[in-house]
Amino acid sequence: MSASMQPRTTSAYYLQAVLSFALASAALAIGIAYLPVDPWMRGFLAVGLLYEITAAFTLAKVVRDRQEVGAITSRVDQARLDKLLAEHDPFRVEGI
């Protein structure tokens, strides 16, 4: 059975993702703070921003978990197939 390669993210990619998320969140928060509307409307938008961020983290976790389960299932299926192929003898005749 061959060992599968684990995809790894580089530190630069991780840093880029973190900075991008921080910049987008900060820009939107500043935009909400300086929006010329009533404070209750500004508060509603701020709560909406926090809810959207929470939903994005939850979705990312669910997608990652489903991908990991699929990878584990695939490895188990591959191991079963490898075992069957190793035990199979194409020249063996049954009943003789």
C-alpha atoms as a PDB file:
ATOM      1  CA  MET A   1       0.000   0.000   0.000  1.00  0.00           C
ATOM      2  CA  SER A   2       1.428   3.374  -0.948  1.00  0.00           C
ATOM      3  CA  ALA A   3       1.540   6.224   1.528  1.00  0.00           C
ATOM      4  CA  SER A   4      -0.643   9.139   0.511  1.00  0.00           C
ATOM      5  CA  MET A   5       0.747  12.639   0.397  1.00  0.00           C
ATOM      6  CA  GLN A   6      -0.733  14.979   2.985  1.00  0.00           C
ATOM      7  CA  PRO A   7      -1.426  18.399   1.492  1.00  0.00           C
ATOM      8  CA  ARG A   8       0.289  21.091   3.557  1.00  0.00           C
ATOM      9  CA  THR A   9      -0.202  24.820   3.371  1.00  0.00           C
ATOM     10  CA  THR A  10       2.849  27.023   3.399  1.00  0.00           C
ATOM     11  CA  SER A  11       3.398  29.662   6.068  1.00  0.00           C
ATOM     12  CA  ALA A  12       3.118  32.383   3.425  1.00  0.00           C
ATOM     13  CA  TYR A  13      -0.301  31.116   2.338  1.00  0.00           C
ATOM     14  CA  TYR A  14      -1.462  30.889   5.964  1.00  0.00           C
ATOM     15  CA  LEU A  15      -0.223  34.428   6.660  1.00  0.00           C
ATOM     16  CA  GLN A  16      -1.926  35.722   3.518  1.00  0.00           C
ATOM     17  CA  ALA A  17      -5.242  34.153   4.538  1.00  0.00           C
ATOM     18  CA  VAL A  18      -5.043  35.563   8.076  1.00  0.00           C
ATOM     19  CA  LEU A  19      -4.091  39.052   6.880  1.00  0.00           C
ATOM     20  CA  SER A  20      -6.791  39.025   4.216  1.00  0.00           C
ATOM     21  CA  PHE A  21      -9.431  38.035   6.758  1.00  0.00           C
ATOM     22  CA  ALA A  22      -8.229  40.672   9.246  1.00  0.00           C
ATOM     23  CA  LEU A  23      -8.128  43.405   6.621  1.00  0.00           C
ATOM     24  CA  ALA A  24     -11.586  42.602   5.269  1.00  0.00           C
ATOM     25  CA  SER A  25     -13.100  42.454   8.766  1.00  0.00           C
ATOM     26  CA  ALA A  26     -11.419  45.694   9.831  1.00  0.00           C
ATOM     27  CA  ALA A  27     -12.455  47.522   6.660  1.00  0.00           C
ATOM     28  CA  LEU A  28     -16.066  46.456   7.078  1.00  0.00           C
ATOM     29  CA  ALA A  29     -16.072  47.357  10.787  1.00  0.00           C
ATOM     30  CA  ILE A  30     -14.641  50.818  10.001  1.00  0.00           C
ATOM     31  CA  GLY A  31     -17.193  51.240   7.229  1.00  0.00           C
ATOM     32  CA  ILE A  32     -20.013  50.409   9.633  1.00  0.00           C
ATOM     33  CA  ALA A  33     -18.591  52.759  12.295  1.00  0.00           C
ATOM     34  CA  TYR A  34     -18.452  55.731   9.903  1.00  0.00           C
ATOM     35  CA  LEU A  35     -21.743  55.014   8.124  1.00  0.00           C
ATOM     36  CA  PRO A  36     -24.053  58.052   8.400  1.00  0.00           C
ATOM     37  CA  VAL A  37     -27.005  56.213   9.970  1.00  0.00           C
ATOM     38  CA  ASP A  38     -28.661  55.932  13.362  1.00  0.00           C
ATOM     39  CA  PRO A  39     -26.769  54.040  16.095  1.00  0.00           C
ATOM     40  CA  TRP A  40     -29.362  51.243  16.199  1.00  0.00           C
ATOM     41  CA  MET A  41     -28.845  50.628  12.472  1.00  0.00           C
ATOM     42  CA  ARG A  42     -25.078  50.641  12.966  1.00  0.00           C
ATOM     43  CA  GLY A  43     -25.477  48.134  15.808  1.00  0.00           C
ATOM     44  CA  PHE A  44     -27.655  45.901  13.636  1.00  0.00           C
ATOM     45  CA  LEU A  45     -24.999  45.890  10.901  1.00  0.00           C
ATOM     46  CA  ALA A  46     -22.259  45.158  13.456  1.00  0.00           C
ATOM     47  CA  VAL A  47     -24.193  42.172  14.817  1.00  0.00           C
ATOM     48  CA  GLY A  48     -24.752  41.019  11.227  1.00  0.00           C
ATOM     49  CA  LEU A  49     -21.004  41.250  10.602  1.00  0.00           C
ATOM     50  CA  LEU A  50     -20.232  39.133  13.681  1.00  0.00           C
ATOM     51  CA  TYR A  51     -22.870  36.574  12.684  1.00  0.00           C
ATOM     52  CA  GLU A  52     -21.431  36.337   9.164  1.00  0.00           C
ATOM     53  CA  ILE A  53     -17.909  35.804  10.515  1.00  0.00           C
ATOM     54  CA  THR A  54     -19.159  33.053  12.853  1.00  0.00           C
ATOM     55  CA  ALA A  55     -21.063  31.385  10.008  1.00  0.00           C
ATOM     56  CA  ALA A  56     -17.969  31.484   7.776  1.00  0.00           C
ATOM     57  CA  PHE A  57     -15.828  29.771  10.435  1.00  0.00           C
ATOM     58  CA  THR A  58     -18.516  27.132  10.999  1.00  0.00           C
ATOM     59  CA  LEU A  59     -18.840  26.437   7.276  1.00  0.00           C
ATOM     60  CA  ALA A  60     -15.066  26.132   6.884  1.00  0.00           C
ATOM     61  CA  LYS A  61     -14.928  23.626   9.754  1.00  0.00           C
ATOM     62  CA  VAL A  62     -17.787  21.532   8.351  1.00  0.00           C
ATOM     63  CA  VAL A  63     -16.214  21.435   4.880  1.00  0.00           C
ATOM     64  CA  ARG A  64     -12.836  20.425   6.364  1.00  0.00           C
ATOM     65  CA  ASP A  65     -14.435  17.708   8.522  1.00  0.00           C
ATOM     66  CA  ARG A  66     -16.320  16.228   5.537  1.00  0.00           C
ATOM     67  CA  GLN A  67     -13.127  16.217   3.482  1.00  0.00           C
ATOM     68  CA  GLU A  68     -11.213  14.429   6.253  1.00  0.00           C
ATOM     69  CA  VAL A  69     -13.938  11.773   6.596  1.00  0.00           C
ATOM     70  CA  GLY A  70     -13.844  11.224   2.829  1.00  0.00           C
ATOM     71  CA  ALA A  71     -10.068  10.813   2.922  1.00  0.00           C
ATOM     72  CA  ILE A  72     -10.255   8.265   5.759  1.00  0.00           C
ATOM     73  CA  THR A  73     -12.986   6.301   3.972  1.00  0.00           C
ATOM     74  CA  SER A  74     -10.944   6.343   0.776  1.00  0.00           C
ATOM     75  CA  ARG A  75      -7.861   5.000   2.592  1.00  0.00           C
ATOM     76  CA  VAL A  76      -9.878   2.182   4.206  1.00  0.00           C
ATOM     77  CA  ASP A  77     -11.394   1.232   0.845  1.00  0.00           C
ATOM     78  CA  GLN A  78      -7.945   1.310  -0.777  1.00  0.00           C
ATOM     79  CA  ALA A  79      -6.528  -0.944   1.949  1.00  0.00           C
ATOM     80  CA  ARG A  80      -9.351  -3.462   1.420  1.00  0.00           C
ATOM     81  CA  LEU A  81      -8.784  -3.452  -2.326  1.00  0.00           C
ATOM     82  CA  ASP A  82      -5.032  -3.928  -1.865  1.00  0.00           C
ATOM     83  CA  LYS A  83      -5.679  -6.889   0.439  1.00  0.00           C
ATOM     84  CA  LEU A  84      -8.085  -8.518  -2.034  1.00  0.00           C
ATOM     85  CA  LEU A  85      -5.647  -8.049  -4.904  1.00  0.00           C
ATOM     86  CA  ALA A  86      -2.769  -9.460  -2.863  1.00  0.00           C
ATOM     87  CA  GLU A  87      -4.771 -12.569  -1.951  1.00  0.00           C
ATOM     88  CA  HIS A  88      -6.073 -13.156  -5.488  1.00  0.00           C
ATOM     89  CA  ASP A  89      -4.311 -15.828  -7.509  1.00  0.00           C
ATOM     90  CA  PRO A  90      -5.408 -15.695 -11.180  1.00  0.00           C
ATOM     91  CA  PHE A  91      -3.937 -19.130 -11.904  1.00  0.00           C
ATOM     92  CA  ARG A  92      -5.725 -20.975  -9.108  1.00  0.00           C
ATOM     93  CA  VAL A  93      -8.545 -23.252 -10.264  1.00  0.00           C
ATOM     94  CA  GLU A  94     -11.394 -23.959  -7.862  1.00  0.00           C
ATOM     95  CA  GLY A  95     -12.468 -27.571  -7.331  1.00  0.00           C
ATOM     96  CA  ILE A  96      -9.393 -29.384  -8.604  1.00  0.00           C
END
